[in-house]
Amino acid sequence: MSKTPAKKTPLPDFEYPVAYCIAGVDEVGRGPLVGDVVTAAVILDPDNPIEGLMDSKKLSEKKRALLAEEIKSHAVAWAIGRATPEEIDTLNILHATMLAMQRAVQDLAVKPDYVLVDGNRCPNFGIESQAVVKGDARVAEISAASILAKVARDEEMIALDKLHPEYGFARHKGYPTKAHLENIIKFGVLDCYRQSFKPVANVLAGMKGVNS
């Protein structure tokens, strides 16, 4: 007897806002065990559209890099915002992400009058804003922000890999893969790790147990 395929939950309705200057915002790096959570804010030029914008996760690394350069050269304004591992451990990952988004919007050279954020919640920007579920696939400005944030964070992981090649950051980008977890146990917890995240906290607790 064949199973009836599960129905997909329809996306909430979204109507593109009527505004003069719209910024799209997205984040990358909520799940990794190491490094900053990285966000980007982008204001696109409606008279200079960029072809091929979509959710950064659906693009190859090469295509993301090419689009990132095009976004930087054609956008009205763009900025990157970060929250550090220390801020993540202090605030929690959700609030640290909201802080990083605020920083990205604050750093835009042009102030938007409307902000569209990927997901289901917005930080307080002091500007009219709206959360858009699956926004990175539905809104060009958010797609562009998704690409810039992803490229920026991947570059940071590659740079970290050069300093600590034994951890394999260039491969797993800080996500909790089996090999990554084994390397943390083998080589220890670096300062750039998020110590409040359970896999890291477990290793630290084990180290304390050994040393006590």
N, C-alpha and C. Protein backbone atom coordinates (compact mmCIF):
# COMPACT_ATOMS: atom_id res chain seq x y z
N MET A 1 0.85 -1.20 0.00
CA MET A 1 0.00 0.00 0.00
C MET A 1 0.89 1.24 0.00
N SER A 2 0.70 2.09 -0.99
CA SER A 2 1.55 3.27 -1.11
C SER A 2 1.10 4.36 -0.15
N LYS A 3 2.09 5.06 0.37
CA LYS A 3 1.80 6.16 1.30
C LYS A 3 1.46 7.42 0.53
N THR A 4 0.52 8.16 1.05
CA THR A 4 0.19 9.45 0.44
C THR A 4 1.28 10.45 0.81
N PRO A 5 1.89 11.11 -0.20
CA PRO A 5 2.96 12.06 0.12
C PRO A 5 2.46 13.18 1.01
N ALA A 6 3.29 13.56 1.96
CA ALA A 6 2.91 14.64 2.88
C ALA A 6 2.74 15.95 2.12
N LYS A 7 1.72 16.67 2.49
CA LYS A 7 1.47 17.96 1.84
C LYS A 7 2.46 18.99 2.36
N LYS A 8 3.00 19.77 1.44
CA LYS A 8 3.90 20.84 1.85
C LYS A 8 3.10 21.99 2.42
N THR A 9 3.59 22.53 3.52
CA THR A 9 2.93 23.68 4.12
C THR A 9 3.13 24.89 3.22
N PRO A 10 2.05 25.54 2.79
CA PRO A 10 2.23 26.70 1.90
C PRO A 10 2.96 27.83 2.60
N LEU A 11 3.74 28.56 1.84
CA LEU A 11 4.46 29.69 2.40
C LEU A 11 3.49 30.82 2.73
N PRO A 12 3.77 31.57 3.78
CA PRO A 12 2.93 32.73 4.08
C PRO A 12 2.94 33.71 2.90
N ASP A 13 1.82 34.39 2.72
CA ASP A 13 1.75 35.38 1.64
C ASP A 13 2.79 36.47 1.85
N PHE A 14 3.35 36.92 0.75
CA PHE A 14 4.30 38.02 0.82
C PHE A 14 4.04 38.97 -0.33
N GLU A 15 3.90 40.23 0.02
CA GLU A 15 3.73 41.27 -0.99
C GLU A 15 4.90 42.23 -0.87
N TYR A 16 5.61 42.42 -1.98
CA TYR A 16 6.78 43.29 -1.98
C TYR A 16 6.37 44.69 -1.53
N PRO A 17 7.04 45.26 -0.55
CA PRO A 17 6.62 46.56 0.00
C PRO A 17 6.81 47.71 -0.99
N VAL A 18 5.96 48.69 -0.85
CA VAL A 18 6.12 49.92 -1.62
C VAL A 18 7.02 50.83 -0.81
N ALA A 19 8.27 50.93 -1.22
CA ALA A 19 9.24 51.75 -0.48
C ALA A 19 10.30 52.23 -1.45
N TYR A 20 10.93 53.33 -1.09
CA TYR A 20 11.94 53.93 -1.97
C TYR A 20 13.25 53.15 -1.95
N CYS A 21 13.67 52.74 -0.76
CA CYS A 21 14.99 52.13 -0.59
C CYS A 21 14.88 50.91 0.33
N ILE A 22 14.98 49.72 -0.24
CA ILE A 22 14.76 48.47 0.50
C ILE A 22 16.08 47.72 0.68
N ALA A 23 16.34 47.32 1.91
CA ALA A 23 17.51 46.48 2.21
C ALA A 23 17.05 45.06 2.50
N GLY A 24 17.81 44.10 1.99
CA GLY A 24 17.59 42.70 2.32
C GLY A 24 18.65 42.24 3.30
N VAL A 25 18.27 41.40 4.27
CA VAL A 25 19.20 40.95 5.30
C VAL A 25 19.09 39.43 5.46
N ASP A 26 20.24 38.78 5.59
CA ASP A 26 20.25 37.34 5.86
C ASP A 26 21.48 37.00 6.69
N GLU A 27 21.46 35.80 7.28
CA GLU A 27 22.57 35.35 8.13
C GLU A 27 23.10 34.01 7.65
N VAL A 28 24.34 33.75 8.03
CA VAL A 28 24.96 32.45 7.81
C VAL A 28 25.76 32.11 9.06
N GLY A 29 25.66 30.86 9.50
CA GLY A 29 26.53 30.43 10.59
C GLY A 29 25.88 30.31 11.94
N ARG A 30 24.58 30.00 11.98
CA ARG A 30 23.96 29.78 13.29
C ARG A 30 24.30 28.40 13.83
N GLY A 31 24.51 27.44 12.94
CA GLY A 31 24.72 26.06 13.37
C GLY A 31 26.15 25.64 13.68
N PRO A 32 27.17 26.28 13.11
CA PRO A 32 28.55 25.86 13.37
C PRO A 32 28.95 25.99 14.83
N LEU A 33 30.01 25.28 15.18
CA LEU A 33 30.52 25.30 16.54
C LEU A 33 31.59 26.35 16.75
N VAL A 34 32.02 26.98 15.67
CA VAL A 34 33.19 27.85 15.74
C VAL A 34 32.96 29.12 14.93
N GLY A 35 33.56 30.21 15.37
CA GLY A 35 33.55 31.45 14.60
C GLY A 35 32.32 32.31 14.79
N ASP A 36 32.35 33.45 14.12
CA ASP A 36 31.26 34.42 14.20
C ASP A 36 30.01 33.91 13.48
N VAL A 37 28.85 34.41 13.90
CA VAL A 37 27.67 34.35 13.05
C VAL A 37 27.75 35.59 12.18
N VAL A 38 27.59 35.41 10.86
CA VAL A 38 27.83 36.48 9.90
C VAL A 38 26.52 36.84 9.20
N THR A 39 26.26 38.13 9.10
CA THR A 39 25.07 38.61 8.40
C THR A 39 25.49 39.61 7.33
N ALA A 40 24.59 39.83 6.40
CA ALA A 40 24.83 40.85 5.37
C ALA A 40 23.54 41.62 5.13
N ALA A 41 23.70 42.88 4.76
CA ALA A 41 22.59 43.74 4.35
C ALA A 41 22.92 44.29 2.97
N VAL A 42 21.95 44.26 2.07
CA VAL A 42 22.19 44.69 0.70
C VAL A 42 21.03 45.54 0.20
N ILE A 43 21.37 46.67 -0.42
CA ILE A 43 20.40 47.48 -1.15
C ILE A 43 20.75 47.37 -2.62
N LEU A 44 19.86 46.78 -3.41
CA LEU A 44 20.12 46.61 -4.84
C LEU A 44 19.67 47.83 -5.62
N ASP A 45 20.27 48.00 -6.80
CA ASP A 45 19.89 49.07 -7.72
C ASP A 45 18.83 48.53 -8.67
N PRO A 46 17.58 49.02 -8.58
CA PRO A 46 16.52 48.49 -9.46
C PRO A 46 16.80 48.74 -10.93
N ASP A 47 17.64 49.71 -11.23
CA ASP A 47 17.97 50.00 -12.63
C ASP A 47 19.17 49.19 -13.13
N ASN A 48 19.73 48.37 -12.25
CA ASN A 48 20.91 47.58 -12.62
C ASN A 48 20.77 46.18 -12.02
N PRO A 49 19.77 45.40 -12.51
CA PRO A 49 19.49 44.09 -11.91
C PRO A 49 20.63 43.09 -12.11
N ILE A 50 20.74 42.17 -11.17
CA ILE A 50 21.77 41.13 -11.21
C ILE A 50 21.08 39.79 -11.48
N GLU A 51 21.49 39.13 -12.52
CA GLU A 51 20.88 37.85 -12.89
C GLU A 51 21.46 36.71 -12.05
N GLY A 52 20.61 35.74 -11.75
CA GLY A 52 21.09 34.53 -11.08
C GLY A 52 21.03 34.55 -9.58
N LEU A 53 20.43 35.59 -9.00
CA LEU A 53 20.33 35.65 -7.54
C LEU A 53 19.36 34.58 -7.03
N MET A 54 19.80 33.83 -6.03
CA MET A 54 18.95 32.83 -5.39
C MET A 54 19.57 32.48 -4.04
N ASP A 55 18.92 31.57 -3.33
CA ASP A 55 19.43 31.11 -2.05
C ASP A 55 20.87 30.64 -2.22
N SER A 56 21.78 31.18 -1.40
CA SER A 56 23.21 30.87 -1.55
C SER A 56 23.51 29.38 -1.43
N LYS A 57 22.68 28.65 -0.67
CA LYS A 57 22.92 27.22 -0.47
C LYS A 57 22.71 26.42 -1.74
N LYS A 58 21.99 26.99 -2.70
CA LYS A 58 21.71 26.29 -3.96
C LYS A 58 22.71 26.64 -5.05
N LEU A 59 23.71 27.43 -4.73
CA LEU A 59 24.72 27.84 -5.71
C LEU A 59 26.04 27.13 -5.43
N SER A 60 26.80 26.89 -6.49
CA SER A 60 28.14 26.33 -6.30
C SER A 60 29.04 27.38 -5.67
N GLU A 61 30.14 26.93 -5.09
CA GLU A 61 31.08 27.86 -4.47
C GLU A 61 31.60 28.87 -5.49
N LYS A 62 31.88 28.40 -6.70
CA LYS A 62 32.40 29.28 -7.75
C LYS A 62 31.36 30.32 -8.15
N LYS A 63 30.10 29.89 -8.31
CA LYS A 63 29.04 30.81 -8.70
C LYS A 63 28.78 31.84 -7.61
N ARG A 64 28.82 31.40 -6.35
CA ARG A 64 28.63 32.34 -5.24
C ARG A 64 29.69 33.43 -5.26
N ALA A 65 30.94 33.02 -5.48
CA ALA A 65 32.04 33.99 -5.48
C ALA A 65 31.88 35.00 -6.61
N LEU A 66 31.47 34.54 -7.78
CA LEU A 66 31.26 35.45 -8.92
C LEU A 66 30.12 36.42 -8.64
N LEU A 67 29.02 35.89 -8.10
CA LEU A 67 27.88 36.76 -7.79
C LEU A 67 28.20 37.74 -6.68
N ALA A 68 29.00 37.31 -5.71
CA ALA A 68 29.38 38.21 -4.61
C ALA A 68 30.11 39.43 -5.14
N GLU A 69 31.02 39.22 -6.07
CA GLU A 69 31.75 40.35 -6.66
C GLU A 69 30.82 41.25 -7.45
N GLU A 70 29.86 40.65 -8.16
CA GLU A 70 28.91 41.45 -8.93
C GLU A 70 28.00 42.25 -8.00
N ILE A 71 27.58 41.64 -6.91
CA ILE A 71 26.74 42.35 -5.94
C ILE A 71 27.49 43.54 -5.36
N LYS A 72 28.73 43.32 -4.97
CA LYS A 72 29.52 44.40 -4.37
C LYS A 72 29.74 45.56 -5.33
N SER A 73 29.87 45.27 -6.61
CA SER A 73 30.14 46.33 -7.59
C SER A 73 28.88 47.00 -8.12
N HIS A 74 27.72 46.31 -8.05
CA HIS A 74 26.50 46.86 -8.63
C HIS A 74 25.48 47.35 -7.60
N ALA A 75 25.59 46.89 -6.36
CA ALA A 75 24.60 47.29 -5.35
C ALA A 75 24.73 48.76 -4.99
N VAL A 76 23.62 49.34 -4.57
CA VAL A 76 23.64 50.72 -4.06
C VAL A 76 24.48 50.78 -2.79
N ALA A 77 24.33 49.77 -1.95
CA ALA A 77 25.10 49.67 -0.70
C ALA A 77 25.06 48.24 -0.20
N TRP A 78 26.11 47.85 0.51
CA TRP A 78 26.13 46.54 1.16
C TRP A 78 27.03 46.62 2.39
N ALA A 79 26.78 45.76 3.34
CA ALA A 79 27.60 45.72 4.56
C ALA A 79 27.51 44.34 5.19
N ILE A 80 28.56 43.99 5.91
CA ILE A 80 28.63 42.74 6.65
C ILE A 80 28.57 43.04 8.14
N GLY A 81 27.79 42.27 8.88
CA GLY A 81 27.72 42.40 10.33
C GLY A 81 28.03 41.07 10.99
N ARG A 82 28.67 41.11 12.12
CA ARG A 82 29.08 39.88 12.81
C ARG A 82 28.73 39.94 14.29
N ALA A 83 28.61 38.76 14.88
CA ALA A 83 28.60 38.62 16.34
C ALA A 83 29.61 37.53 16.68
N THR A 84 30.44 37.79 17.67
CA THR A 84 31.56 36.93 18.00
C THR A 84 31.11 35.69 18.80
N PRO A 85 31.98 34.69 18.89
CA PRO A 85 31.67 33.54 19.75
C PRO A 85 31.38 33.94 21.19
N GLU A 86 32.11 34.94 21.70
CA GLU A 86 31.86 35.41 23.07
C GLU A 86 30.46 36.00 23.20
N GLU A 87 30.03 36.77 22.20
CA GLU A 87 28.68 37.35 22.23
C GLU A 87 27.63 36.25 22.09
N ILE A 88 27.91 35.25 21.26
CA ILE A 88 26.99 34.12 21.12
C ILE A 88 26.82 33.40 22.45
N ASP A 89 27.94 33.16 23.13
CA ASP A 89 27.89 32.46 24.42
C ASP A 89 27.17 33.28 25.49
N THR A 90 27.30 34.60 25.41
CA THR A 90 26.67 35.47 26.41
C THR A 90 25.18 35.68 26.14
N LEU A 91 24.84 35.92 24.87
CA LEU A 91 23.48 36.31 24.52
C LEU A 91 22.59 35.13 24.13
N ASN A 92 23.15 34.11 23.58
CA ASN A 92 22.59 32.94 22.88
C ASN A 92 22.60 33.23 21.38
N ILE A 93 22.50 32.20 20.57
CA ILE A 93 22.71 32.34 19.13
C ILE A 93 21.63 33.19 18.47
N LEU A 94 20.38 33.09 18.94
CA LEU A 94 19.31 33.89 18.34
C LEU A 94 19.56 35.38 18.55
N HIS A 95 19.80 35.78 19.79
CA HIS A 95 19.98 37.21 20.06
C HIS A 95 21.28 37.74 19.45
N ALA A 96 22.30 36.90 19.39
CA ALA A 96 23.55 37.31 18.74
C ALA A 96 23.33 37.53 17.25
N THR A 97 22.50 36.68 16.63
CA THR A 97 22.19 36.85 15.21
C THR A 97 21.44 38.15 14.98
N MET A 98 20.48 38.45 15.84
CA MET A 98 19.74 39.71 15.72
C MET A 98 20.68 40.91 15.84
N LEU A 99 21.65 40.81 16.76
CA LEU A 99 22.64 41.88 16.95
C LEU A 99 23.48 42.05 15.69
N ALA A 100 23.92 40.94 15.11
CA ALA A 100 24.73 41.00 13.89
C ALA A 100 23.94 41.62 12.74
N MET A 101 22.66 41.32 12.65
CA MET A 101 21.81 41.91 11.61
C MET A 101 21.70 43.42 11.81
N GLN A 102 21.51 43.84 13.05
CA GLN A 102 21.44 45.28 13.34
C GLN A 102 22.74 45.97 12.92
N ARG A 103 23.86 45.34 13.20
CA ARG A 103 25.15 45.93 12.83
C ARG A 103 25.30 46.06 11.32
N ALA A 104 24.85 45.05 10.58
CA ALA A 104 24.94 45.11 9.12
C ALA A 104 24.13 46.28 8.57
N VAL A 105 22.91 46.44 9.05
CA VAL A 105 22.06 47.53 8.56
C VAL A 105 22.63 48.89 8.98
N GLN A 106 23.13 48.98 10.20
CA GLN A 106 23.72 50.24 10.68
C GLN A 106 24.94 50.65 9.85
N ASP A 107 25.66 49.66 9.31
CA ASP A 107 26.88 49.95 8.57
C ASP A 107 26.65 50.25 7.09
N LEU A 108 25.41 50.18 6.63
CA LEU A 108 25.13 50.52 5.24
C LEU A 108 25.44 51.99 4.99
N ALA A 109 26.09 52.27 3.87
CA ALA A 109 26.44 53.66 3.53
C ALA A 109 25.20 54.47 3.17
N VAL A 110 24.15 53.79 2.75
CA VAL A 110 22.87 54.43 2.44
C VAL A 110 21.83 53.87 3.40
N LYS A 111 21.08 54.74 4.06
CA LYS A 111 20.08 54.28 5.02
C LYS A 111 18.81 53.85 4.29
N PRO A 112 18.38 52.60 4.48
CA PRO A 112 17.14 52.15 3.84
C PRO A 112 15.92 52.69 4.57
N ASP A 113 14.77 52.69 3.89
CA ASP A 113 13.54 53.06 4.59
C ASP A 113 12.65 51.84 4.82
N TYR A 114 13.15 50.66 4.42
CA TYR A 114 12.43 49.41 4.69
C TYR A 114 13.44 48.28 4.68
N VAL A 115 13.28 47.32 5.59
CA VAL A 115 14.21 46.18 5.68
C VAL A 115 13.43 44.88 5.60
N LEU A 116 13.86 43.99 4.72
CA LEU A 116 13.29 42.65 4.59
C LEU A 116 14.31 41.64 5.11
N VAL A 117 13.88 40.79 6.03
CA VAL A 117 14.78 39.85 6.70
C VAL A 117 14.34 38.42 6.40
N ASP A 118 15.30 37.57 6.09
CA ASP A 118 14.98 36.16 5.88
C ASP A 118 14.58 35.51 7.20
N GLY A 119 13.51 34.71 7.17
CA GLY A 119 13.12 33.99 8.38
C GLY A 119 11.76 34.41 8.89
N ASN A 120 11.56 34.25 10.19
CA ASN A 120 10.25 34.53 10.78
C ASN A 120 10.27 35.57 11.89
N ARG A 121 11.40 36.26 12.03
CA ARG A 121 11.45 37.34 13.03
C ARG A 121 12.48 38.39 12.63
N CYS A 122 12.26 39.61 13.10
CA CYS A 122 13.16 40.74 12.80
C CYS A 122 13.69 41.33 14.10
N PRO A 123 14.93 41.78 14.08
CA PRO A 123 15.39 42.60 15.20
C PRO A 123 14.80 44.00 15.07
N ASN A 124 15.02 44.83 16.06
CA ASN A 124 14.56 46.21 16.00
C ASN A 124 15.62 47.05 15.28
N PHE A 125 15.30 47.45 14.06
CA PHE A 125 16.22 48.28 13.29
C PHE A 125 15.96 49.77 13.46
N GLY A 126 14.83 50.12 14.08
CA GLY A 126 14.42 51.52 14.10
C GLY A 126 13.91 51.96 12.74
N ILE A 127 13.64 50.99 11.88
CA ILE A 127 13.15 51.22 10.51
C ILE A 127 12.03 50.21 10.29
N GLU A 128 11.05 50.56 9.49
CA GLU A 128 9.99 49.60 9.18
C GLU A 128 10.61 48.35 8.56
N SER A 129 10.18 47.18 9.03
CA SER A 129 10.80 45.94 8.57
C SER A 129 9.78 44.81 8.54
N GLN A 130 10.17 43.74 7.87
CA GLN A 130 9.29 42.58 7.73
C GLN A 130 10.13 41.32 7.59
N ALA A 131 9.74 40.26 8.29
CA ALA A 131 10.39 38.96 8.12
C ALA A 131 9.70 38.22 6.99
N VAL A 132 10.48 37.54 6.16
CA VAL A 132 9.95 36.82 5.00
C VAL A 132 10.42 35.37 5.08
N VAL A 133 9.50 34.46 5.31
CA VAL A 133 9.84 33.04 5.36
C VAL A 133 10.34 32.60 3.98
N LYS A 134 11.48 31.90 3.95
CA LYS A 134 12.14 31.50 2.69
C LYS A 134 12.47 32.71 1.83
N GLY A 135 12.77 33.82 2.50
CA GLY A 135 13.05 35.05 1.77
C GLY A 135 14.25 34.96 0.86
N ASP A 136 15.22 34.09 1.21
CA ASP A 136 16.41 33.98 0.37
C ASP A 136 16.10 33.38 -1.00
N ALA A 137 14.92 32.78 -1.15
CA ALA A 137 14.50 32.24 -2.44
C ALA A 137 13.40 33.08 -3.08
N ARG A 138 12.90 34.10 -2.36
CA ARG A 138 11.74 34.87 -2.84
C ARG A 138 12.03 36.35 -3.07
N VAL A 139 13.08 36.87 -2.45
CA VAL A 139 13.36 38.31 -2.51
C VAL A 139 14.81 38.51 -2.95
N ALA A 140 15.00 39.26 -4.04
CA ALA A 140 16.35 39.42 -4.61
C ALA A 140 17.32 40.03 -3.61
N GLU A 141 16.87 41.03 -2.84
CA GLU A 141 17.76 41.68 -1.87
C GLU A 141 18.24 40.70 -0.80
N ILE A 142 17.33 39.82 -0.36
CA ILE A 142 17.71 38.83 0.65
C ILE A 142 18.63 37.78 0.04
N SER A 143 18.35 37.37 -1.20
CA SER A 143 19.23 36.42 -1.89
C SER A 143 20.65 36.98 -1.97
N ALA A 144 20.75 38.25 -2.32
CA ALA A 144 22.07 38.90 -2.42
C ALA A 144 22.77 38.92 -1.06
N ALA A 145 22.01 39.23 -0.01
CA ALA A 145 22.58 39.23 1.34
C ALA A 145 23.04 37.84 1.75
N SER A 146 22.25 36.85 1.39
CA SER A 146 22.60 35.45 1.68
C SER A 146 23.92 35.07 1.04
N ILE A 147 24.12 35.50 -0.20
CA ILE A 147 25.36 35.19 -0.93
C ILE A 147 26.56 35.87 -0.28
N LEU A 148 26.43 37.16 0.03
CA LEU A 148 27.56 37.89 0.64
C LEU A 148 27.93 37.30 2.00
N ALA A 149 26.92 36.97 2.80
CA ALA A 149 27.19 36.42 4.13
C ALA A 149 27.87 35.06 4.02
N LYS A 150 27.39 34.23 3.11
CA LYS A 150 27.96 32.89 2.94
C LYS A 150 29.40 32.97 2.46
N VAL A 151 29.68 33.80 1.48
CA VAL A 151 31.05 33.93 0.96
C VAL A 151 31.98 34.47 2.05
N ALA A 152 31.51 35.48 2.79
CA ALA A 152 32.34 36.07 3.85
C ALA A 152 32.68 35.04 4.92
N ARG A 153 31.70 34.27 5.34
CA ARG A 153 31.96 33.30 6.41
C ARG A 153 32.84 32.15 5.92
N ASP A 154 32.60 31.69 4.70
CA ASP A 154 33.45 30.62 4.16
C ASP A 154 34.90 31.07 4.05
N GLU A 155 35.10 32.32 3.64
CA GLU A 155 36.47 32.85 3.55
C GLU A 155 37.14 32.87 4.92
N GLU A 156 36.37 33.20 5.95
CA GLU A 156 36.92 33.22 7.31
C GLU A 156 37.30 31.81 7.77
N MET A 157 36.50 30.82 7.39
CA MET A 157 36.82 29.44 7.76
C MET A 157 38.06 28.93 7.01
N ILE A 158 38.21 29.35 5.77
CA ILE A 158 39.40 28.96 5.00
C ILE A 158 40.65 29.59 5.61
N ALA A 159 40.53 30.85 6.04
CA ALA A 159 41.66 31.52 6.70
C ALA A 159 42.00 30.83 8.02
N LEU A 160 40.98 30.42 8.76
CA LEU A 160 41.20 29.72 10.03
C LEU A 160 41.84 28.36 9.79
N ASP A 161 41.47 27.73 8.69
CA ASP A 161 42.04 26.44 8.33
C ASP A 161 43.56 26.54 8.10
N LYS A 162 43.99 27.67 7.56
CA LYS A 162 45.42 27.85 7.32
C LYS A 162 46.20 27.98 8.63
N LEU A 163 45.54 28.53 9.64
CA LEU A 163 46.17 28.66 10.96
C LEU A 163 46.14 27.34 11.73
N HIS A 164 45.06 26.57 11.53
CA HIS A 164 44.87 25.33 12.29
C HIS A 164 44.40 24.22 11.33
N PRO A 165 45.26 23.77 10.43
CA PRO A 165 44.84 22.80 9.41
C PRO A 165 44.37 21.47 9.99
N GLU A 166 44.80 21.15 11.20
CA GLU A 166 44.44 19.86 11.79
C GLU A 166 42.95 19.73 12.09
N TYR A 167 42.23 20.86 12.16
CA TYR A 167 40.79 20.80 12.46
C TYR A 167 39.92 20.61 11.22
N GLY A 168 40.44 20.92 10.03
CA GLY A 168 39.68 20.73 8.80
C GLY A 168 38.60 21.76 8.55
N PHE A 169 38.80 23.00 9.01
CA PHE A 169 37.76 24.03 8.88
C PHE A 169 37.36 24.31 7.43
N ALA A 170 38.30 24.21 6.50
CA ALA A 170 37.99 24.49 5.09
C ALA A 170 36.98 23.48 4.53
N ARG A 171 36.96 22.29 5.09
CA ARG A 171 36.04 21.25 4.61
C ARG A 171 34.66 21.38 5.24
N HIS A 172 34.61 21.41 6.56
CA HIS A 172 33.29 21.37 7.23
C HIS A 172 32.76 22.75 7.61
N LYS A 173 33.56 23.79 7.44
CA LYS A 173 33.15 25.18 7.72
C LYS A 173 32.65 25.38 9.15
N GLY A 174 33.13 24.53 10.05
CA GLY A 174 32.77 24.69 11.46
C GLY A 174 31.55 23.92 11.90
N TYR A 175 30.85 23.27 10.97
CA TYR A 175 29.66 22.50 11.33
C TYR A 175 30.06 21.21 12.06
N PRO A 176 29.17 20.66 12.88
CA PRO A 176 29.53 19.52 13.73
C PRO A 176 29.51 18.18 13.01
N THR A 177 30.38 18.01 12.04
CA THR A 177 30.51 16.72 11.37
C THR A 177 31.22 15.73 12.30
N LYS A 178 31.14 14.47 11.96
CA LYS A 178 31.80 13.43 12.78
C LYS A 178 33.30 13.69 12.87
N ALA A 179 33.92 13.99 11.72
CA ALA A 179 35.37 14.25 11.70
C ALA A 179 35.72 15.48 12.54
N HIS A 180 34.88 16.51 12.46
CA HIS A 180 35.14 17.73 13.24
C HIS A 180 35.08 17.45 14.74
N LEU A 181 34.06 16.73 15.16
CA LEU A 181 33.93 16.41 16.58
C LEU A 181 35.11 15.58 17.08
N GLU A 182 35.56 14.66 16.24
CA GLU A 182 36.73 13.85 16.61
C GLU A 182 37.98 14.72 16.75
N ASN A 183 38.11 15.72 15.86
CA ASN A 183 39.27 16.61 15.92
C ASN A 183 39.25 17.52 17.14
N ILE A 184 38.05 17.93 17.56
CA ILE A 184 37.96 18.75 18.78
C ILE A 184 38.44 17.94 19.99
N ILE A 185 38.01 16.69 20.05
CA ILE A 185 38.43 15.82 21.16
C ILE A 185 39.94 15.60 21.11
N LYS A 186 40.46 15.42 19.90
CA LYS A 186 41.88 15.11 19.73
C LYS A 186 42.78 16.31 20.00
N PHE A 187 42.39 17.48 19.46
CA PHE A 187 43.28 18.65 19.50
C PHE A 187 42.87 19.72 20.50
N GLY A 188 41.66 19.62 21.04
CA GLY A 188 41.23 20.59 22.04
C GLY A 188 40.36 21.70 21.48
N VAL A 189 39.89 22.56 22.37
CA VAL A 189 38.96 23.64 22.05
C VAL A 189 39.73 24.95 21.90
N LEU A 190 39.69 25.52 20.71
CA LEU A 190 40.34 26.81 20.46
C LEU A 190 39.50 27.95 21.02
N ASP A 191 40.10 29.13 21.14
CA ASP A 191 39.37 30.30 21.66
C ASP A 191 38.20 30.70 20.76
N CYS A 192 38.27 30.35 19.48
CA CYS A 192 37.23 30.76 18.54
C CYS A 192 36.00 29.85 18.57
N TYR A 193 36.00 28.84 19.44
CA TYR A 193 34.84 27.96 19.55
C TYR A 193 33.75 28.60 20.40
N ARG A 194 32.51 28.21 20.13
CA ARG A 194 31.35 28.66 20.90
C ARG A 194 31.17 27.69 22.07
N GLN A 195 31.61 28.11 23.22
CA GLN A 195 31.68 27.20 24.36
C GLN A 195 30.32 26.83 24.92
N SER A 196 29.28 27.59 24.59
CA SER A 196 27.94 27.28 25.07
C SER A 196 27.26 26.20 24.22
N PHE A 197 27.81 25.89 23.05
CA PHE A 197 27.22 24.87 22.19
C PHE A 197 27.53 23.49 22.77
N LYS A 198 26.54 22.64 22.82
CA LYS A 198 26.64 21.38 23.58
C LYS A 198 27.84 20.52 23.22
N PRO A 199 28.15 20.28 21.93
CA PRO A 199 29.31 19.43 21.63
C PRO A 199 30.62 19.99 22.18
N VAL A 200 30.76 21.32 22.14
CA VAL A 200 31.96 21.97 22.67
C VAL A 200 31.95 21.92 24.20
N ALA A 201 30.80 22.21 24.78
CA ALA A 201 30.68 22.18 26.24
C ALA A 201 30.98 20.79 26.79
N ASN A 202 30.55 19.75 26.05
CA ASN A 202 30.82 18.38 26.48
C ASN A 202 32.31 18.07 26.50
N VAL A 203 33.03 18.55 25.47
CA VAL A 203 34.48 18.33 25.41
C VAL A 203 35.16 19.06 26.57
N LEU A 204 34.74 20.31 26.81
CA LEU A 204 35.33 21.08 27.91
C LEU A 204 35.06 20.42 29.26
N ALA A 205 33.85 19.89 29.43
CA ALA A 205 33.51 19.21 30.68
C ALA A 205 34.36 17.96 30.86
N GLY A 206 34.60 17.26 29.76
CA GLY A 206 35.45 16.07 29.81
C GLY A 206 36.88 16.40 30.17
N MET A 207 37.37 17.54 29.62
CA MET A 207 38.74 17.97 29.93
C MET A 207 38.87 18.34 31.40
N LYS A 208 37.83 18.99 31.95
CA LYS A 208 37.86 19.36 33.37
C LYS A 208 37.87 18.11 34.25
N GLY A 209 37.09 17.09 33.79
CA GLY A 209 37.03 15.85 34.54
C GLY A 209 38.37 15.14 34.59
N VAL A 210 39.09 15.20 33.47
CA VAL A 210 40.41 14.56 33.40
C VAL A 210 41.41 15.28 34.29
N ASN A 211 41.29 16.63 34.29
CA ASN A 211 42.27 17.45 35.03
C ASN A 211 41.97 17.57 36.52
N SER A 212 40.74 17.20 36.92
CA SER A 212 40.38 17.37 38.34
C SER A 212 40.88 16.22 39.20
